[in-house]
Amino acid sequence: MSKIQIITPEFDYNGGENKLNAKSVFLAGTIDNGESLNWQDKVIIELINLGIECEVFNPRREHWNPNPTKEDMEKQIKWEQDHLDSADVI
């Protein structure tokens, strides 16, 4: 059974600390304000099925305001940049 730790902007309690001590993967790609296919969940399921142990940075939010404020956008962009910088694989 693989161990996957999923980190999202809404649920990032460990401050970027890799508790699994495994490779990290950033799921970079279209989100389209939540309107596009949720391909991120499909990738996560495939990683689990393959038995890959990793930390997954998923920028897709479960609840996203379709009319985000400037502050919301800045917070999202900063989270993404910080996790892109620390990811082993993008």
C-alpha atoms as a PDB file:
ATOM      1  CA  MET A   1       0.000   0.000   0.000  1.00  0.00           C
ATOM      2  CA  SER A   2       1.424   3.370  -0.979  1.00  0.00           C
ATOM      3  CA  LYS A   3       1.620   6.322   1.337  1.00  0.00           C
ATOM      4  CA  ILE A   4       0.493   9.570  -0.188  1.00  0.00           C
ATOM      5  CA  GLN A   5       0.334  12.870   1.646  1.00  0.00           C
ATOM      6  CA  ILE A   6      -1.834  15.381  -0.192  1.00  0.00           C
ATOM      7  CA  ILE A   7      -1.142  19.056   0.472  1.00  0.00           C
ATOM      8  CA  THR A   8      -3.574  21.673  -0.811  1.00  0.00           C
ATOM      9  CA  PRO A   9      -3.761  25.421  -0.207  1.00  0.00           C
ATOM     10  CA  GLU A  10      -6.744  24.827   2.099  1.00  0.00           C
ATOM     11  CA  PHE A  11      -5.070  22.040   4.078  1.00  0.00           C
ATOM     12  CA  ASP A  12      -1.372  22.797   4.460  1.00  0.00           C
ATOM     13  CA  TYR A  13      -0.868  22.215   8.166  1.00  0.00           C
ATOM     14  CA  ASN A  14       2.761  21.157   8.130  1.00  0.00           C
ATOM     15  CA  GLY A  15       4.183  24.340   6.618  1.00  0.00           C
ATOM     16  CA  GLY A  16       5.803  22.466   3.745  1.00  0.00           C
ATOM     17  CA  GLU A  17       7.517  19.881   5.950  1.00  0.00           C
ATOM     18  CA  ASN A  18       7.721  16.552   4.142  1.00  0.00           C
ATOM     19  CA  LYS A  19       6.565  14.166   6.860  1.00  0.00           C
ATOM     20  CA  LEU A  20       6.865  11.117   4.612  1.00  0.00           C
ATOM     21  CA  ASN A  21      10.481  11.903   3.739  1.00  0.00           C
ATOM     22  CA  ALA A  22       9.530  10.945   0.183  1.00  0.00           C
ATOM     23  CA  LYS A  23       9.717  12.686  -3.181  1.00  0.00           C
ATOM     24  CA  SER A  24       7.256  15.510  -3.716  1.00  0.00           C
ATOM     25  CA  VAL A  25       5.143  16.086  -6.814  1.00  0.00           C
ATOM     26  CA  PHE A  26       3.474  19.360  -7.783  1.00  0.00           C
ATOM     27  CA  LEU A  27       0.379  18.842  -9.947  1.00  0.00           C
ATOM     28  CA  ALA A  28       0.811  21.775 -12.334  1.00  0.00           C
ATOM     29  CA  GLY A  29      -1.852  22.209 -14.967  1.00  0.00           C
ATOM     30  CA  THR A  30      -5.227  23.687 -15.701  1.00  0.00           C
ATOM     31  CA  ILE A  31      -7.746  24.297 -12.949  1.00  0.00           C
ATOM     32  CA  ASP A  32      -9.830  26.956 -14.741  1.00  0.00           C
ATOM     33  CA  ASN A  33     -11.488  28.243 -11.555  1.00  0.00           C
ATOM     34  CA  GLY A  34     -12.782  24.748 -10.825  1.00  0.00           C
ATOM     35  CA  GLU A  35     -14.519  24.410 -14.188  1.00  0.00           C
ATOM     36  CA  SER A  36     -12.053  22.015 -15.820  1.00  0.00           C
ATOM     37  CA  LEU A  37     -11.987  18.249 -15.360  1.00  0.00           C
ATOM     38  CA  ASN A  38     -10.530  17.311 -11.971  1.00  0.00           C
ATOM     39  CA  TRP A  39      -7.558  15.490 -13.459  1.00  0.00           C
ATOM     40  CA  GLN A  40      -5.590  15.959 -10.230  1.00  0.00           C
ATOM     41  CA  ASP A  41      -7.736  13.372  -8.411  1.00  0.00           C
ATOM     42  CA  LYS A  42      -7.176  10.925 -11.271  1.00  0.00           C
ATOM     43  CA  VAL A  43      -3.394  11.355 -10.999  1.00  0.00           C
ATOM     44  CA  ILE A  44      -3.522  10.842  -7.220  1.00  0.00           C
ATOM     45  CA  ILE A  45      -5.547   7.647  -7.638  1.00  0.00           C
ATOM     46  CA  GLU A  46      -3.038   6.391 -10.206  1.00  0.00           C
ATOM     47  CA  LEU A  47      -0.111   7.126  -7.870  1.00  0.00           C
ATOM     48  CA  ILE A  48      -1.884   5.138  -5.150  1.00  0.00           C
ATOM     49  CA  ASN A  49      -2.625   2.258  -7.548  1.00  0.00           C
ATOM     50  CA  LEU A  50       1.032   2.178  -8.610  1.00  0.00           C
ATOM     51  CA  GLY A  51       2.135   2.009  -4.975  1.00  0.00           C
ATOM     52  CA  ILE A  52       4.178   5.187  -5.224  1.00  0.00           C
ATOM     53  CA  GLU A  53       5.036   6.878  -1.947  1.00  0.00           C
ATOM     54  CA  CYS A  54       5.120  10.652  -2.289  1.00  0.00           C
ATOM     55  CA  GLU A  55       3.926  13.990  -1.086  1.00  0.00           C
ATOM     56  CA  VAL A  56       1.517  15.594  -3.566  1.00  0.00           C
ATOM     57  CA  PHE A  57       1.111  19.360  -3.842  1.00  0.00           C
ATOM     58  CA  ASN A  58      -2.331  19.869  -5.362  1.00  0.00           C
ATOM     59  CA  PRO A  59      -3.167  23.541  -6.044  1.00  0.00           C
ATOM     60  CA  ARG A  60      -6.850  22.787  -6.729  1.00  0.00           C
ATOM     61  CA  ARG A  61      -9.080  24.046  -3.927  1.00  0.00           C
ATOM     62  CA  GLU A  62     -12.200  22.162  -2.945  1.00  0.00           C
ATOM     63  CA  HIS A  63     -13.972  25.492  -2.436  1.00  0.00           C
ATOM     64  CA  TRP A  64     -12.917  28.335  -4.721  1.00  0.00           C
ATOM     65  CA  ASN A  65     -14.620  31.681  -5.025  1.00  0.00           C
ATOM     66  CA  PRO A  66     -15.320  32.166  -8.754  1.00  0.00           C
ATOM     67  CA  ASN A  67     -14.826  35.902  -8.157  1.00  0.00           C
ATOM     68  CA  PRO A  68     -11.654  35.921  -6.062  1.00  0.00           C
ATOM     69  CA  THR A  69     -10.360  39.064  -4.424  1.00  0.00           C
ATOM     70  CA  LYS A  70      -6.876  40.347  -5.131  1.00  0.00           C
ATOM     71  CA  GLU A  71      -5.858  38.979  -1.716  1.00  0.00           C
ATOM     72  CA  ASP A  72      -7.276  35.522  -2.565  1.00  0.00           C
ATOM     73  CA  MET A  73      -5.328  35.454  -5.825  1.00  0.00           C
ATOM     74  CA  GLU A  74      -2.092  36.624  -4.197  1.00  0.00           C
ATOM     75  CA  LYS A  75      -2.420  33.964  -1.488  1.00  0.00           C
ATOM     76  CA  GLN A  76      -3.034  31.230  -4.095  1.00  0.00           C
ATOM     77  CA  ILE A  77      -0.152  32.359  -6.301  1.00  0.00           C
ATOM     78  CA  LYS A  78       2.237  32.535  -3.339  1.00  0.00           C
ATOM     79  CA  TRP A  79       1.227  29.034  -2.211  1.00  0.00           C
ATOM     80  CA  GLU A  80       1.796  27.689  -5.720  1.00  0.00           C
ATOM     81  CA  GLN A  81       5.172  29.415  -6.127  1.00  0.00           C
ATOM     82  CA  ASP A  82       6.409  28.216  -2.728  1.00  0.00           C
ATOM     83  CA  HIS A  83       5.431  24.625  -3.501  1.00  0.00           C
ATOM     84  CA  LEU A  84       6.724  24.711  -7.077  1.00  0.00           C
ATOM     85  CA  ASP A  85      10.077  25.811  -5.661  1.00  0.00           C
ATOM     86  CA  SER A  86      10.195  22.952  -3.175  1.00  0.00           C
ATOM     87  CA  ALA A  87       8.788  20.130  -5.354  1.00  0.00           C
ATOM     88  CA  ASP A  88      11.049  17.353  -6.624  1.00  0.00           C
ATOM     89  CA  VAL A  89       8.820  16.747  -9.668  1.00  0.00           C
ATOM     90  CA  ILE A  90       6.460  19.105 -11.491  1.00  0.00           C
END
